[in-house]
């Protein structure tokens, strides 16, 4: 993960096991990390 707090941006990569794909786990985790924990405005 690359975070540039001064620019309010982050770049996040992740891998999800096949049985868990499409269930929204990665989306929810990314939202919580980027918006709730880091207070960033943009996710690439």
N, C-alpha and C. Protein backbone atom coordinates (compact mmCIF):
# COMPACT_ATOMS: atom_id res chain seq x y z
N UNK A 1 0.84 -1.17 0.00
CA UNK A 1 0.00 0.00 0.00
C UNK A 1 0.89 1.24 0.00
N UNK A 2 0.56 2.20 -0.81
CA UNK A 2 1.26 3.48 -0.85
C UNK A 2 0.31 4.55 -0.36
N UNK A 3 0.74 5.31 0.62
CA UNK A 3 -0.10 6.37 1.19
C UNK A 3 0.64 7.69 1.09
N UNK A 4 -0.04 8.69 0.56
CA UNK A 4 0.48 10.06 0.53
C UNK A 4 -0.54 10.93 1.24
N UNK A 5 -0.34 11.07 2.53
CA UNK A 5 -1.33 11.82 3.32
C UNK A 5 -1.41 13.28 2.91
N UNK A 6 -0.30 13.86 2.50
CA UNK A 6 -0.33 15.28 2.12
C UNK A 6 -1.20 15.50 0.88
N UNK A 7 -1.29 14.50 0.00
CA UNK A 7 -2.13 14.59 -1.19
C UNK A 7 -3.50 13.96 -0.97
N UNK A 8 -3.72 13.39 0.21
CA UNK A 8 -4.98 12.72 0.54
C UNK A 8 -5.30 11.62 -0.47
N UNK A 9 -4.30 10.81 -0.80
CA UNK A 9 -4.49 9.72 -1.76
C UNK A 9 -3.84 8.45 -1.24
N UNK A 10 -4.32 7.31 -1.74
CA UNK A 10 -3.72 6.02 -1.40
C UNK A 10 -3.83 5.09 -2.59
N UNK A 11 -2.90 4.19 -2.66
CA UNK A 11 -2.93 3.13 -3.67
C UNK A 11 -2.92 1.83 -2.90
N UNK A 12 -3.88 0.97 -3.15
CA UNK A 12 -4.06 -0.24 -2.36
C UNK A 12 -4.23 -1.44 -3.28
N UNK A 13 -3.48 -2.48 -3.03
CA UNK A 13 -3.64 -3.73 -3.77
C UNK A 13 -4.02 -4.83 -2.80
N UNK A 14 -4.77 -5.81 -3.26
CA UNK A 14 -5.16 -6.91 -2.39
C UNK A 14 -5.44 -8.16 -3.20
N UNK A 15 -5.46 -9.28 -2.54
CA UNK A 15 -5.76 -10.57 -3.14
C UNK A 15 -6.86 -11.21 -2.31
N UNK A 16 -7.83 -11.79 -3.00
CA UNK A 16 -8.95 -12.44 -2.32
C UNK A 16 -9.03 -13.88 -2.82
N UNK A 17 -9.09 -14.82 -1.90
CA UNK A 17 -9.21 -16.23 -2.27
C UNK A 17 -10.50 -16.47 -3.05
N UNK A 18 -10.45 -17.37 -3.99
CA UNK A 18 -11.58 -17.64 -4.87
C UNK A 18 -12.91 -17.86 -4.14
N UNK A 19 -12.93 -18.62 -3.05
CA UNK A 19 -14.23 -18.83 -2.37
C UNK A 19 -14.84 -17.55 -1.79
N UNK A 20 -14.02 -16.52 -1.64
CA UNK A 20 -14.50 -15.30 -1.00
C UNK A 20 -14.70 -14.14 -1.98
N UNK A 21 -14.40 -14.35 -3.24
CA UNK A 21 -14.57 -13.32 -4.25
C UNK A 21 -16.03 -12.96 -4.44
N UNK A 22 -16.29 -11.69 -4.67
CA UNK A 22 -17.65 -11.24 -4.94
C UNK A 22 -18.54 -11.08 -3.73
N UNK A 23 -17.98 -11.25 -2.53
CA UNK A 23 -18.78 -11.14 -1.31
C UNK A 23 -18.64 -9.77 -0.63
N UNK A 24 -17.78 -8.92 -1.18
CA UNK A 24 -17.65 -7.57 -0.66
C UNK A 24 -16.65 -7.40 0.48
N UNK A 25 -15.92 -8.46 0.82
CA UNK A 25 -14.96 -8.35 1.92
C UNK A 25 -13.85 -7.35 1.62
N UNK A 26 -13.25 -7.44 0.45
CA UNK A 26 -12.14 -6.54 0.10
C UNK A 26 -12.64 -5.10 -0.04
N UNK A 27 -13.81 -4.91 -0.60
CA UNK A 27 -14.38 -3.57 -0.75
C UNK A 27 -14.60 -2.94 0.62
N UNK A 28 -15.18 -3.68 1.52
CA UNK A 28 -15.45 -3.16 2.86
C UNK A 28 -14.15 -2.85 3.60
N UNK A 29 -13.18 -3.75 3.51
CA UNK A 29 -11.90 -3.53 4.18
C UNK A 29 -11.21 -2.28 3.62
N UNK A 30 -11.21 -2.13 2.31
CA UNK A 30 -10.58 -0.96 1.68
C UNK A 30 -11.26 0.33 2.13
N UNK A 31 -12.57 0.34 2.17
CA UNK A 31 -13.30 1.54 2.60
C UNK A 31 -12.92 1.91 4.03
N UNK A 32 -12.89 0.93 4.90
CA UNK A 32 -12.59 1.21 6.30
C UNK A 32 -11.17 1.70 6.49
N UNK A 33 -10.22 1.10 5.78
CA UNK A 33 -8.82 1.53 5.89
C UNK A 33 -8.65 2.94 5.34
N UNK A 34 -9.10 3.16 4.13
CA UNK A 34 -8.84 4.43 3.45
C UNK A 34 -9.64 5.58 4.04
N UNK A 35 -10.91 5.39 4.26
CA UNK A 35 -11.75 6.51 4.68
C UNK A 35 -11.83 6.65 6.19
N UNK A 36 -11.95 5.55 6.92
CA UNK A 36 -12.12 5.64 8.37
C UNK A 36 -10.80 5.77 9.12
N UNK A 37 -9.80 5.01 8.72
CA UNK A 37 -8.53 5.00 9.45
C UNK A 37 -7.55 6.07 8.98
N UNK A 38 -7.45 6.27 7.68
CA UNK A 38 -6.46 7.19 7.13
C UNK A 38 -7.03 8.55 6.78
N UNK A 39 -8.35 8.67 6.80
CA UNK A 39 -9.02 9.94 6.47
C UNK A 39 -8.58 10.48 5.11
N UNK A 40 -8.47 9.61 4.14
CA UNK A 40 -8.08 10.03 2.79
C UNK A 40 -9.32 10.30 1.96
N UNK A 41 -9.15 11.02 0.87
CA UNK A 41 -10.27 11.40 0.02
C UNK A 41 -10.33 10.61 -1.28
N UNK A 42 -9.24 9.94 -1.67
CA UNK A 42 -9.19 9.29 -2.98
C UNK A 42 -8.54 7.92 -2.85
N UNK A 43 -9.08 6.95 -3.57
CA UNK A 43 -8.51 5.60 -3.61
C UNK A 43 -8.31 5.23 -5.07
N UNK A 44 -7.09 4.85 -5.44
CA UNK A 44 -6.79 4.45 -6.82
C UNK A 44 -6.65 2.95 -6.87
